[in-house]
N, C-alpha and C. Protein backbone atom coordinates (compact mmCIF):
# COMPACT_ATOMS: atom_id res chain seq x y z
N MET A 1 0.02 22.38 4.90
CA MET A 1 0.51 21.04 4.72
C MET A 1 -0.17 20.45 3.48
N GLY A 2 0.61 19.97 2.52
CA GLY A 2 0.03 19.39 1.30
C GLY A 2 -0.08 17.89 1.40
N TRP A 3 -1.16 17.36 0.88
CA TRP A 3 -1.38 15.92 0.87
C TRP A 3 -1.21 15.42 -0.54
N ASP A 4 -0.44 14.38 -0.72
CA ASP A 4 -0.28 13.81 -2.05
C ASP A 4 -0.80 12.38 -2.10
N ILE A 5 -1.66 12.03 -1.15
CA ILE A 5 -2.26 10.70 -1.14
C ILE A 5 -3.48 10.73 -2.04
N GLU A 6 -3.53 9.79 -2.97
CA GLU A 6 -4.64 9.75 -3.91
C GLU A 6 -5.83 9.03 -3.30
N PRO A 7 -7.05 9.58 -3.46
CA PRO A 7 -8.24 8.86 -3.02
C PRO A 7 -8.34 7.54 -3.80
N ALA A 8 -9.02 6.56 -3.21
CA ALA A 8 -9.11 5.23 -3.82
C ALA A 8 -9.65 5.29 -5.25
N ARG A 9 -10.60 6.17 -5.53
CA ARG A 9 -11.19 6.21 -6.87
C ARG A 9 -10.22 6.76 -7.91
N GLN A 10 -9.12 7.38 -7.48
CA GLN A 10 -8.14 7.92 -8.40
C GLN A 10 -6.90 7.04 -8.54
N ARG A 11 -6.85 5.93 -7.84
CA ARG A 11 -5.70 5.04 -7.93
C ARG A 11 -5.64 4.40 -9.30
N ARG A 12 -4.42 4.10 -9.74
CA ARG A 12 -4.23 3.48 -11.05
C ARG A 12 -4.51 1.99 -11.04
N SER A 13 -4.42 1.36 -9.86
CA SER A 13 -4.69 -0.07 -9.78
C SER A 13 -5.37 -0.38 -8.45
N MET A 14 -6.14 -1.45 -8.46
CA MET A 14 -6.89 -1.84 -7.27
C MET A 14 -5.97 -2.52 -6.25
N ARG A 15 -6.07 -2.08 -4.99
CA ARG A 15 -5.35 -2.75 -3.92
C ARG A 15 -6.07 -4.05 -3.59
N ARG A 16 -5.30 -5.05 -3.18
CA ARG A 16 -5.85 -6.35 -2.79
C ARG A 16 -5.43 -6.67 -1.37
N ALA A 17 -6.38 -7.13 -0.58
CA ALA A 17 -6.10 -7.50 0.82
C ALA A 17 -5.38 -8.83 0.81
N VAL A 18 -4.08 -8.79 0.95
CA VAL A 18 -3.30 -10.03 0.93
C VAL A 18 -2.07 -9.86 1.82
N THR A 19 -1.87 -10.85 2.66
CA THR A 19 -0.68 -10.87 3.50
C THR A 19 0.28 -11.86 2.87
N THR A 20 1.47 -11.39 2.55
CA THR A 20 2.49 -12.25 1.98
C THR A 20 3.84 -11.81 2.49
N ASP A 21 4.80 -12.69 2.40
CA ASP A 21 6.15 -12.38 2.86
C ASP A 21 6.79 -11.33 1.97
N CYS A 22 7.60 -10.49 2.58
CA CYS A 22 8.38 -9.51 1.84
C CYS A 22 9.56 -9.10 2.70
N GLN A 23 10.46 -8.38 2.10
CA GLN A 23 11.53 -7.72 2.83
C GLN A 23 11.63 -6.31 2.26
N VAL A 24 11.40 -5.33 3.11
CA VAL A 24 11.52 -3.94 2.73
C VAL A 24 12.70 -3.37 3.51
N VAL A 25 13.71 -2.91 2.78
CA VAL A 25 14.94 -2.43 3.38
C VAL A 25 15.18 -0.99 2.95
N ALA A 26 15.50 -0.13 3.92
CA ALA A 26 15.77 1.28 3.63
C ALA A 26 17.12 1.43 2.93
N ASP A 27 17.17 2.34 1.97
CA ASP A 27 18.43 2.64 1.29
C ASP A 27 19.43 3.23 2.27
N THR A 28 18.95 4.10 3.15
CA THR A 28 19.81 4.72 4.15
C THR A 28 19.99 3.78 5.33
N GLY A 29 21.19 3.32 5.54
CA GLY A 29 21.49 2.46 6.69
C GLY A 29 21.10 1.01 6.52
N PHE A 30 20.50 0.65 5.39
CA PHE A 30 20.10 -0.73 5.10
C PHE A 30 19.32 -1.35 6.26
N ARG A 31 18.34 -0.57 6.80
CA ARG A 31 17.50 -1.01 7.92
C ARG A 31 16.31 -1.81 7.41
N LEU A 32 15.98 -2.91 8.10
CA LEU A 32 14.79 -3.69 7.76
C LEU A 32 13.56 -2.94 8.25
N LEU A 33 12.65 -2.60 7.33
CA LEU A 33 11.46 -1.82 7.68
C LEU A 33 10.18 -2.65 7.69
N GLY A 34 10.18 -3.79 6.99
CA GLY A 34 8.97 -4.61 6.95
C GLY A 34 9.25 -6.01 6.45
N ARG A 35 8.42 -6.97 6.95
CA ARG A 35 8.58 -8.37 6.55
C ARG A 35 7.31 -9.01 6.01
N TRP A 36 6.17 -8.31 6.09
CA TRP A 36 4.94 -8.85 5.52
C TRP A 36 4.02 -7.72 5.09
N THR A 37 3.25 -8.03 4.05
CA THR A 37 2.35 -7.03 3.47
C THR A 37 1.00 -7.06 4.17
N LEU A 38 0.31 -5.92 4.08
CA LEU A 38 -1.07 -5.81 4.52
C LEU A 38 -2.01 -5.74 3.32
N ASP A 39 -1.56 -5.08 2.28
CA ASP A 39 -2.25 -5.12 0.99
C ASP A 39 -1.24 -4.83 -0.12
N VAL A 40 -1.62 -5.24 -1.32
CA VAL A 40 -0.71 -5.20 -2.46
C VAL A 40 -1.46 -4.74 -3.70
N SER A 41 -0.79 -3.97 -4.56
CA SER A 41 -1.30 -3.66 -5.89
C SER A 41 -0.12 -3.71 -6.85
N THR A 42 -0.38 -3.54 -8.12
CA THR A 42 0.72 -3.54 -9.09
C THR A 42 1.53 -2.26 -9.03
N GLU A 43 1.04 -1.27 -8.29
CA GLU A 43 1.73 0.01 -8.16
C GLU A 43 2.50 0.16 -6.85
N GLY A 44 2.20 -0.72 -5.85
CA GLY A 44 2.88 -0.60 -4.58
C GLY A 44 2.32 -1.54 -3.53
N ILE A 45 2.81 -1.37 -2.31
CA ILE A 45 2.38 -2.24 -1.21
C ILE A 45 2.21 -1.42 0.07
N ARG A 46 1.44 -1.98 1.00
CA ARG A 46 1.38 -1.45 2.35
C ARG A 46 1.92 -2.56 3.24
N VAL A 47 2.92 -2.23 4.06
CA VAL A 47 3.56 -3.23 4.91
C VAL A 47 3.43 -2.86 6.37
N ALA A 48 3.38 -3.89 7.21
CA ALA A 48 3.45 -3.67 8.65
C ALA A 48 4.84 -3.16 8.96
N SER A 49 4.93 -2.04 9.65
CA SER A 49 6.21 -1.36 9.87
C SER A 49 6.96 -1.95 11.06
N LEU A 50 8.25 -2.22 10.83
CA LEU A 50 9.13 -2.70 11.89
C LEU A 50 10.05 -1.61 12.41
N GLY A 51 10.17 -0.53 11.67
CA GLY A 51 11.10 0.52 12.07
C GLY A 51 10.61 1.88 11.63
N HIS A 52 11.23 2.90 12.19
CA HIS A 52 10.85 4.28 11.87
C HIS A 52 11.51 4.73 10.57
N THR A 53 10.76 5.42 9.76
CA THR A 53 11.27 6.03 8.54
C THR A 53 10.40 7.23 8.21
N ALA A 54 10.76 7.96 7.18
CA ALA A 54 10.01 9.15 6.79
C ALA A 54 9.53 9.02 5.35
N ARG A 55 8.51 9.79 5.02
CA ARG A 55 8.06 9.84 3.63
C ARG A 55 9.22 10.28 2.75
N GLY A 56 9.29 9.70 1.57
CA GLY A 56 10.33 10.05 0.63
C GLY A 56 11.53 9.10 0.69
N GLU A 57 11.62 8.28 1.72
CA GLU A 57 12.74 7.32 1.85
C GLU A 57 12.71 6.32 0.70
N VAL A 58 13.85 6.08 0.09
CA VAL A 58 13.98 5.07 -0.96
C VAL A 58 14.15 3.72 -0.28
N VAL A 59 13.41 2.71 -0.79
CA VAL A 59 13.46 1.37 -0.20
C VAL A 59 13.64 0.33 -1.30
N TYR A 60 14.21 -0.79 -0.89
CA TYR A 60 14.34 -1.95 -1.77
C TYR A 60 13.34 -2.99 -1.29
N VAL A 61 12.58 -3.53 -2.23
CA VAL A 61 11.50 -4.46 -1.90
C VAL A 61 11.75 -5.80 -2.57
N SER A 62 11.69 -6.86 -1.78
CA SER A 62 11.61 -8.23 -2.29
C SER A 62 10.27 -8.75 -1.82
N LEU A 63 9.48 -9.25 -2.74
CA LEU A 63 8.09 -9.60 -2.45
C LEU A 63 7.80 -11.00 -2.98
N ARG A 64 7.25 -11.85 -2.09
CA ARG A 64 6.80 -13.17 -2.56
C ARG A 64 5.43 -12.98 -3.18
N LEU A 65 5.29 -13.40 -4.41
CA LEU A 65 4.02 -13.23 -5.10
C LEU A 65 2.95 -14.05 -4.40
N PRO A 66 1.77 -13.44 -4.16
CA PRO A 66 0.69 -14.16 -3.47
C PRO A 66 0.35 -15.47 -4.18
N ARG A 67 0.11 -16.49 -3.40
CA ARG A 67 -0.31 -17.81 -3.86
C ARG A 67 0.75 -18.52 -4.70
N THR A 68 2.02 -18.07 -4.58
CA THR A 68 3.11 -18.73 -5.32
C THR A 68 4.33 -18.81 -4.42
N SER A 69 5.38 -19.43 -4.94
CA SER A 69 6.66 -19.44 -4.22
C SER A 69 7.67 -18.53 -4.92
N LEU A 70 7.21 -17.76 -5.92
CA LEU A 70 8.08 -16.86 -6.67
C LEU A 70 8.27 -15.54 -5.94
N TRP A 71 9.48 -14.99 -6.07
CA TRP A 71 9.80 -13.69 -5.48
C TRP A 71 10.15 -12.71 -6.59
N ILE A 72 9.78 -11.43 -6.41
CA ILE A 72 10.17 -10.37 -7.33
C ILE A 72 10.85 -9.26 -6.54
N ASP A 73 11.58 -8.43 -7.24
CA ASP A 73 12.27 -7.30 -6.61
C ASP A 73 11.81 -6.00 -7.24
N ALA A 74 11.81 -4.94 -6.45
CA ALA A 74 11.44 -3.61 -6.92
C ALA A 74 12.14 -2.57 -6.06
N ILE A 75 12.18 -1.36 -6.57
CA ILE A 75 12.62 -0.21 -5.79
C ILE A 75 11.39 0.65 -5.57
N GLY A 76 11.28 1.23 -4.39
CA GLY A 76 10.10 2.02 -4.09
C GLY A 76 10.43 3.25 -3.27
N GLU A 77 9.38 3.98 -2.98
CA GLU A 77 9.48 5.19 -2.17
C GLU A 77 8.37 5.16 -1.13
N VAL A 78 8.70 5.48 0.11
CA VAL A 78 7.70 5.55 1.17
C VAL A 78 6.82 6.77 0.91
N VAL A 79 5.53 6.56 0.71
CA VAL A 79 4.61 7.66 0.44
C VAL A 79 3.62 7.89 1.58
N ARG A 80 3.57 6.94 2.52
CA ARG A 80 2.68 7.10 3.68
C ARG A 80 3.30 6.41 4.88
N VAL A 81 3.26 7.10 6.01
CA VAL A 81 3.70 6.53 7.28
C VAL A 81 2.50 6.61 8.23
N ALA A 82 1.94 5.44 8.56
CA ALA A 82 0.80 5.38 9.48
C ALA A 82 1.30 4.88 10.83
N ARG A 83 1.00 5.61 11.87
CA ARG A 83 1.48 5.27 13.21
C ARG A 83 0.67 4.16 13.86
N GLY A 84 -0.51 3.84 13.28
CA GLY A 84 -1.33 2.76 13.84
C GLY A 84 -2.20 3.17 14.99
N ARG A 85 -2.49 4.47 15.11
CA ARG A 85 -3.28 4.96 16.24
C ARG A 85 -4.76 5.10 15.91
N ARG A 86 -5.13 5.06 14.63
CA ARG A 86 -6.53 5.18 14.27
C ARG A 86 -7.28 3.88 14.53
N THR A 87 -8.56 4.01 14.85
CA THR A 87 -9.40 2.84 15.05
C THR A 87 -9.41 2.02 13.77
N GLY A 88 -9.22 0.73 13.90
CA GLY A 88 -9.25 -0.16 12.74
C GLY A 88 -7.90 -0.42 12.10
N GLU A 89 -6.89 0.37 12.44
CA GLU A 89 -5.56 0.13 11.88
C GLU A 89 -4.90 -1.03 12.62
N PRO A 90 -4.23 -1.92 11.89
CA PRO A 90 -3.62 -3.09 12.53
C PRO A 90 -2.34 -2.77 13.28
N GLY A 91 -1.86 -1.56 13.20
CA GLY A 91 -0.61 -1.16 13.82
C GLY A 91 0.16 -0.27 12.87
N PRO A 92 1.39 0.07 13.21
CA PRO A 92 2.19 0.93 12.33
C PRO A 92 2.35 0.29 10.95
N ALA A 93 2.26 1.13 9.91
CA ALA A 93 2.36 0.62 8.55
C ALA A 93 3.01 1.66 7.65
N LEU A 94 3.57 1.18 6.55
CA LEU A 94 4.17 2.05 5.54
C LEU A 94 3.50 1.79 4.20
N GLY A 95 3.16 2.87 3.52
CA GLY A 95 2.68 2.78 2.15
C GLY A 95 3.86 3.02 1.22
N ILE A 96 4.10 2.10 0.30
CA ILE A 96 5.25 2.18 -0.59
C ILE A 96 4.79 2.15 -2.03
N ARG A 97 5.21 3.14 -2.80
CA ARG A 97 4.91 3.18 -4.25
C ARG A 97 6.14 2.67 -4.98
N PHE A 98 5.91 1.72 -5.90
CA PHE A 98 7.03 1.21 -6.70
C PHE A 98 7.49 2.30 -7.66
N THR A 99 8.79 2.56 -7.68
CA THR A 99 9.36 3.53 -8.62
C THR A 99 10.12 2.82 -9.73
N SER A 100 10.51 1.57 -9.49
CA SER A 100 11.21 0.79 -10.50
C SER A 100 10.87 -0.69 -10.29
N ILE A 101 10.23 -1.27 -11.29
CA ILE A 101 9.89 -2.69 -11.25
C ILE A 101 9.91 -3.18 -12.70
N GLU A 102 10.51 -4.34 -12.91
CA GLU A 102 10.59 -4.89 -14.27
C GLU A 102 9.19 -5.18 -14.80
N PRO A 103 8.93 -4.90 -16.08
CA PRO A 103 7.60 -5.15 -16.65
C PRO A 103 7.13 -6.60 -16.47
N VAL A 104 8.03 -7.56 -16.62
CA VAL A 104 7.62 -8.96 -16.45
C VAL A 104 7.23 -9.23 -15.00
N ASP A 105 7.93 -8.60 -14.03
CA ASP A 105 7.58 -8.77 -12.62
C ASP A 105 6.22 -8.14 -12.32
N ARG A 106 5.94 -6.98 -12.92
CA ARG A 106 4.64 -6.33 -12.72
C ARG A 106 3.52 -7.21 -13.29
N ALA A 107 3.78 -7.83 -14.44
CA ALA A 107 2.79 -8.72 -15.05
C ALA A 107 2.56 -9.96 -14.18
N LEU A 108 3.63 -10.53 -13.65
CA LEU A 108 3.49 -11.68 -12.75
C LEU A 108 2.72 -11.29 -11.49
N LEU A 109 3.00 -10.11 -10.96
CA LEU A 109 2.29 -9.61 -9.78
C LEU A 109 0.80 -9.45 -10.08
N ALA A 110 0.47 -8.85 -11.22
CA ALA A 110 -0.93 -8.66 -11.60
C ALA A 110 -1.65 -10.00 -11.70
N ALA A 111 -1.00 -10.99 -12.30
CA ALA A 111 -1.62 -12.31 -12.44
C ALA A 111 -1.84 -12.96 -11.07
N SER A 112 -0.90 -12.78 -10.15
CA SER A 112 -1.04 -13.40 -8.83
C SER A 112 -2.11 -12.72 -7.97
N LEU A 113 -2.43 -11.46 -8.28
CA LEU A 113 -3.44 -10.72 -7.52
C LEU A 113 -4.86 -10.93 -8.04
N ARG A 114 -4.97 -11.41 -9.26
CA ARG A 114 -6.28 -11.57 -9.90
C ARG A 114 -7.20 -12.41 -9.02
N GLY A 115 -8.38 -11.88 -8.75
CA GLY A 115 -9.40 -12.61 -7.99
C GLY A 115 -9.34 -12.42 -6.48
N LEU A 116 -8.30 -11.77 -5.97
CA LEU A 116 -8.22 -11.52 -4.54
C LEU A 116 -9.07 -10.30 -4.17
N PRO A 117 -9.69 -10.29 -2.98
CA PRO A 117 -10.59 -9.19 -2.62
C PRO A 117 -9.83 -7.92 -2.24
N PRO A 118 -10.48 -6.76 -2.39
CA PRO A 118 -9.87 -5.51 -1.92
C PRO A 118 -9.95 -5.45 -0.40
N PRO A 119 -9.12 -4.59 0.22
CA PRO A 119 -9.20 -4.46 1.68
C PRO A 119 -10.50 -3.80 2.09
N LEU A 120 -10.98 -4.16 3.28
CA LEU A 120 -12.18 -3.50 3.82
C LEU A 120 -11.81 -2.10 4.27
N PRO A 121 -12.70 -1.14 4.06
CA PRO A 121 -12.41 0.23 4.54
C PRO A 121 -12.23 0.24 6.05
N ALA A 122 -11.20 0.95 6.51
CA ALA A 122 -10.95 1.04 7.96
C ALA A 122 -11.79 2.13 8.61
N ARG A 123 -12.16 3.13 7.81
CA ARG A 123 -12.95 4.25 8.35
C ARG A 123 -14.34 4.23 7.73
N ARG A 124 -15.29 4.78 8.46
CA ARG A 124 -16.64 4.83 7.92
C ARG A 124 -16.69 5.87 6.80
N VAL A 125 -17.67 5.72 5.91
CA VAL A 125 -17.83 6.62 4.78
C VAL A 125 -18.29 7.99 5.28
N ARG A 126 -17.67 9.04 4.78
CA ARG A 126 -18.05 10.39 5.18
C ARG A 126 -19.36 10.80 4.53
N VAL A 127 -20.16 11.54 5.27
CA VAL A 127 -21.44 12.03 4.77
C VAL A 127 -21.19 13.28 3.94
N ASP A 128 -21.78 13.34 2.75
CA ASP A 128 -21.67 14.52 1.89
C ASP A 128 -22.86 15.42 2.23
N TYR A 129 -22.66 16.32 3.19
CA TYR A 129 -23.74 17.18 3.66
C TYR A 129 -24.22 18.14 2.59
N ALA A 130 -23.34 18.62 1.75
CA ALA A 130 -23.74 19.54 0.69
C ALA A 130 -24.69 18.85 -0.28
N ALA A 131 -24.41 17.63 -0.64
CA ALA A 131 -25.28 16.88 -1.56
C ALA A 131 -26.64 16.60 -0.88
N ALA A 132 -26.62 16.31 0.42
CA ALA A 132 -27.88 16.06 1.13
C ALA A 132 -28.75 17.32 1.16
N VAL A 133 -28.14 18.49 1.39
CA VAL A 133 -28.89 19.75 1.39
C VAL A 133 -29.47 20.04 0.01
N LEU A 134 -28.65 19.85 -1.03
CA LEU A 134 -29.14 20.07 -2.40
C LEU A 134 -30.28 19.12 -2.75
N ALA A 135 -30.18 17.87 -2.33
CA ALA A 135 -31.24 16.90 -2.61
C ALA A 135 -32.52 17.27 -1.87
N ALA A 136 -32.40 17.76 -0.64
CA ALA A 136 -33.57 18.14 0.14
C ALA A 136 -34.25 19.38 -0.44
N ALA A 137 -33.44 20.26 -1.04
CA ALA A 137 -33.98 21.51 -1.60
C ALA A 137 -34.67 21.29 -2.94
N ALA A 138 -34.38 20.19 -3.61
CA ALA A 138 -34.93 19.92 -4.94
C ALA A 138 -36.35 19.41 -4.89
């Protein structure tokens, strides 16, 4: 099984912990998949999931920019489906990467995210045992 989820340090933009209104609609069947975000970046969003979908699904996103009354539109792809069973997860969620967004909308999104905090890690940091052994041997 291959994983294509990028670790946080390899992401192109910082995620911000912000809940804002949105509408995420599946291309197939025009099903409503989400109505509010859990976190947002200029590259995509994580939304609380209202319906079942699979990775790779094309979605249409309308997003209210945080701290404004402006809305932007984008096309995206579901890149993560979280069932909400892990400790610390708020419930089922979808990770969506924007595949098409107007440059002016991306700029407006970046400006609206400026100064907002990143999300808190849901899982504890993993111990690097190999580094600990090497440090002890030195």
